[in-house]
Amino acid sequence: MRPRSLRLFKKKKGIHLNPDQWVGIFLTAGVFFMAYLEQSHGIDLNGWVTNIAIIWVIYVIGLMISTFFRYESEFGEYAGKLTFWDDRIQIDEESYNLSEIKKLDFIQAFDIRGKFVNSMLEFTPHLSNGLDNIFAIRLKNGLDLKCNFQQTETDRIKHFKEMLVHYHKNGILGWLQLLDLLEITEYDKIQEFKKEIK
């Protein structure tokens, strides 16, 4: 079997705002601050509050429309590859033989780059970057490892059928998760698949 790889991504912790959101925050703060100065202190700003408020409304509408065509921000960095071999699993530079592995778990494995992720009217992009996939590996020595990986339309876990079946036969990938990853849900298809892998 030829090895199959997916890109690893190391997410940064914390709250991340992209430049569009920062501009929106500053415009909003500016409108409220100028309105406060006019109302509370009687300072005449010669209609600047109205002008900034109009710019703010146009900006917000433009931002909300543009979110439907933009990808989520990548808050972190790509960190090597997650490679599935027939005798081991490699996470960046570290390799783990199948004999060392107790269990594989794809905690989340259905985020694909370009997938529409949110139908709400929000200020965040609506196209997924495919990075919310989580892979966990439990070793027989008790060590647990987790990592995020990217999936695209061409590089997806469900296309690694031969390798996933191999891991199932080696007892490190559960039957239900195998069906889930390969998106086999119909009873007849499950029965066919059972016969195919025996």
Protein backbone atom coordinates (compact mmCIF):
# COMPACT_ATOMS: atom_id res chain seq x y z
CA MET A 1 0.00 0.00 0.00
CA ARG A 2 1.29 3.42 -0.80
CA PRO A 3 1.48 5.87 2.10
CA ARG A 4 -1.18 8.58 2.31
CA SER A 5 -0.60 12.02 3.85
CA LEU A 6 -2.52 15.00 5.15
CA ARG A 7 -1.13 18.36 6.23
CA LEU A 8 -0.79 18.97 9.96
CA PHE A 9 -1.79 22.30 11.44
CA LYS A 10 -0.76 23.63 14.83
CA LYS A 11 -3.43 26.00 16.08
CA LYS A 12 -2.56 28.99 18.22
CA LYS A 13 -4.57 29.53 21.37
CA GLY A 14 -6.41 32.73 22.12
CA ILE A 15 -8.86 35.00 20.36
CA HIS A 16 -7.93 35.92 16.83
CA LEU A 17 -9.40 38.90 15.02
CA ASN A 18 -8.65 39.47 11.36
CA PRO A 19 -7.98 42.99 9.97
CA ASP A 20 -11.60 43.43 8.77
CA GLN A 21 -12.89 42.85 12.29
CA TRP A 22 -10.35 45.32 13.75
CA VAL A 23 -11.51 48.00 11.29
CA GLY A 24 -15.13 47.31 12.28
CA ILE A 25 -14.28 47.60 15.98
CA PHE A 26 -12.44 50.92 15.47
CA LEU A 27 -15.24 52.36 13.32
CA THR A 28 -17.85 51.32 15.90
CA ALA A 29 -15.81 52.76 18.77
CA GLY A 30 -15.25 55.94 16.76
CA VAL A 31 -18.98 56.44 16.07
CA PHE A 32 -19.92 55.90 19.72
CA PHE A 33 -17.08 58.10 21.01
CA MET A 34 -17.93 60.98 18.67
CA ALA A 35 -21.66 60.68 19.49
CA TYR A 36 -20.76 60.70 23.20
CA LEU A 37 -18.67 63.88 22.77
CA GLU A 38 -21.52 65.61 20.91
CA GLN A 39 -24.28 64.55 23.31
CA SER A 40 -22.51 64.74 26.68
CA HIS A 41 -20.05 67.58 26.17
CA GLY A 42 -21.86 69.60 23.51
CA ILE A 43 -18.88 69.51 21.13
CA ASP A 44 -19.89 70.37 17.55
CA LEU A 45 -18.17 67.97 15.14
CA ASN A 46 -19.74 69.52 12.00
CA GLY A 47 -21.66 66.39 10.94
CA TRP A 48 -18.71 64.00 11.27
CA VAL A 49 -20.78 61.63 13.42
CA THR A 50 -23.29 61.20 10.59
CA ASN A 51 -20.54 60.77 7.98
CA ILE A 52 -18.69 58.16 10.05
CA ALA A 53 -22.00 56.39 10.83
CA ILE A 54 -22.78 56.16 7.08
CA ILE A 55 -19.27 54.78 6.41
CA TRP A 56 -19.79 52.30 9.27
CA VAL A 57 -23.14 51.06 7.84
CA ILE A 58 -21.66 50.66 4.34
CA TYR A 59 -18.63 48.86 5.76
CA VAL A 60 -20.74 46.46 7.86
CA ILE A 61 -23.01 45.58 4.92
CA GLY A 62 -20.00 45.07 2.62
CA LEU A 63 -18.23 42.96 5.23
CA MET A 64 -21.27 40.73 5.81
CA ILE A 65 -21.68 40.13 2.07
CA SER A 66 -17.97 39.44 1.54
CA THR A 67 -17.93 36.78 4.30
CA PHE A 68 -19.89 34.42 2.03
CA PHE A 69 -16.98 34.31 -0.42
CA ARG A 70 -13.97 34.25 1.91
CA TYR A 71 -12.14 31.47 3.76
CA GLU A 72 -11.70 31.36 7.52
CA SER A 73 -8.40 32.71 8.82
CA GLU A 74 -5.61 30.23 9.48
CA PHE A 75 -4.71 31.08 13.07
CA GLY A 76 -1.57 29.00 13.54
CA GLU A 77 0.95 27.32 11.25
CA TYR A 78 1.34 24.24 9.10
CA ALA A 79 3.60 21.78 10.88
CA GLY A 80 4.56 18.88 8.64
CA LYS A 81 2.44 15.92 7.61
CA LEU A 82 0.32 13.19 9.11
CA THR A 83 1.34 10.13 7.09
CA PHE A 84 -0.36 6.75 7.17
CA TRP A 85 1.95 3.83 6.31
CA ASP A 86 1.01 0.16 6.33
CA ASP A 87 3.33 -0.54 9.27
CA ARG A 88 3.37 2.81 11.12
CA ILE A 89 1.82 6.24 11.51
CA GLN A 90 4.03 9.28 11.20
CA ILE A 91 3.19 12.59 12.85
CA ASP A 92 5.61 15.11 11.35
CA GLU A 93 9.05 13.61 12.21
CA GLU A 94 7.84 11.07 14.82
CA SER A 95 6.88 7.54 13.75
CA TYR A 96 4.80 5.05 15.73
CA ASN A 97 4.74 1.38 14.70
CA LEU A 98 1.33 -0.29 14.60
CA SER A 99 2.53 -2.66 17.31
CA GLU A 100 2.94 0.36 19.67
CA ILE A 101 -0.55 1.71 18.98
CA LYS A 102 -3.55 0.79 21.11
CA LYS A 103 -6.19 2.90 19.37
CA LEU A 104 -6.72 5.45 16.61
CA ASP A 105 -9.50 7.98 16.97
CA PHE A 106 -10.63 10.53 14.42
CA ILE A 107 -12.42 12.84 16.85
CA GLN A 108 -13.48 15.19 14.06
CA ALA A 109 -12.92 14.26 10.45
CA PHE A 110 -15.51 16.01 8.30
CA ASP A 111 -14.19 19.55 7.91
CA ILE A 112 -13.22 20.12 4.28
CA ARG A 113 -11.65 23.22 2.75
CA GLY A 114 -14.33 25.22 0.94
CA LYS A 115 -17.24 23.75 2.90
CA PHE A 116 -19.88 26.32 3.83
CA VAL A 117 -19.69 26.45 7.62
CA ASN A 118 -22.20 28.99 8.84
CA SER A 119 -25.47 30.27 7.42
CA MET A 120 -25.87 32.99 10.06
CA LEU A 121 -25.24 36.64 9.19
CA GLU A 122 -21.90 37.09 10.92
CA PHE A 123 -18.67 38.98 10.43
CA THR A 124 -16.55 35.86 10.07
CA PRO A 125 -15.88 34.13 6.72
CA HIS A 126 -18.29 31.35 5.82
CA LEU A 127 -15.95 29.06 3.89
CA SER A 128 -14.01 26.53 5.93
CA ASN A 129 -10.24 26.26 5.71
CA GLY A 130 -10.57 22.51 6.46
CA LEU A 131 -8.46 22.67 9.64
CA ASP A 132 -10.99 21.64 12.33
CA ASN A 133 -10.18 17.95 11.98
CA ILE A 134 -8.71 16.24 15.04
CA PHE A 135 -6.78 12.98 15.06
CA ALA A 136 -5.85 11.20 18.29
CA ILE A 137 -3.56 8.26 18.80
CA ARG A 138 -3.30 6.27 22.03
CA LEU A 139 -0.13 4.27 22.51
CA LYS A 140 0.15 1.09 24.55
CA ASN A 141 2.51 2.88 26.95
CA GLY A 142 -0.38 5.22 27.90
CA LEU A 143 0.74 8.25 25.88
CA ASP A 144 -2.06 10.14 24.12
CA LEU A 145 -1.31 12.41 21.16
CA LYS A 146 -3.67 14.79 19.35
CA CYS A 147 -3.20 16.89 16.25
CA ASN A 148 -5.22 18.96 13.81
CA PHE A 149 -5.05 18.14 10.13
CA GLN A 150 -6.37 19.66 6.92
CA GLN A 151 -8.70 18.01 4.45
CA THR A 152 -9.42 19.24 0.95
CA GLU A 153 -11.73 17.79 -1.69
CA THR A 154 -8.84 15.75 -3.14
CA ASP A 155 -7.07 14.85 0.14
CA ARG A 156 -9.70 13.34 2.41
CA ILE A 157 -9.69 10.53 4.94
CA LYS A 158 -12.52 8.78 3.13
CA HIS A 159 -10.20 8.30 0.12
CA PHE A 160 -7.79 6.26 2.29
CA LYS A 161 -10.08 3.23 2.31
CA GLU A 162 -7.41 0.57 1.84
CA MET A 163 -5.29 1.97 4.66
CA LEU A 164 -8.25 2.41 7.03
CA VAL A 165 -9.38 -1.19 6.43
CA HIS A 166 -5.80 -2.31 7.11
CA TYR A 167 -5.82 -0.44 10.46
CA HIS A 168 -9.19 -1.95 11.34
CA LYS A 169 -7.89 -5.46 10.63
CA ASN A 170 -4.93 -4.70 12.91
CA GLY A 171 -7.37 -3.87 15.72
CA ILE A 172 -6.50 -0.19 16.16
CA LEU A 173 -9.50 1.36 14.36
CA GLY A 174 -13.04 0.50 15.46
CA TRP A 175 -15.69 -0.85 13.09
CA LEU A 176 -18.20 1.97 13.65
CA GLN A 177 -15.57 4.62 13.11
CA LEU A 178 -14.39 2.87 9.95
CA LEU A 179 -17.95 3.00 8.57
CA ASP A 180 -18.27 6.63 9.65
CA LEU A 181 -15.00 7.70 8.01
CA LEU A 182 -15.88 5.94 4.76
CA GLU A 183 -19.40 7.43 4.94
CA ILE A 184 -21.08 4.04 4.62
CA THR A 185 -24.51 4.37 6.24
CA GLU A 186 -27.04 2.21 4.37
CA TYR A 187 -27.64 -1.29 5.71
CA ASP A 188 -27.14 -3.02 2.32
CA LYS A 189 -23.89 -1.13 1.70
CA ILE A 190 -22.63 -2.10 5.17
CA GLN A 191 -23.33 -5.78 4.44
CA GLU A 192 -21.55 -5.55 1.08
CA PHE A 193 -18.58 -3.85 2.73
CA LYS A 194 -18.39 -6.59 5.40
CA LYS A 195 -18.13 -9.24 2.68
CA GLU A 196 -15.60 -7.15 0.72
CA ILE A 197 -13.13 -6.85 3.58
CA LYS A 198 -13.26 -10.48 4.72
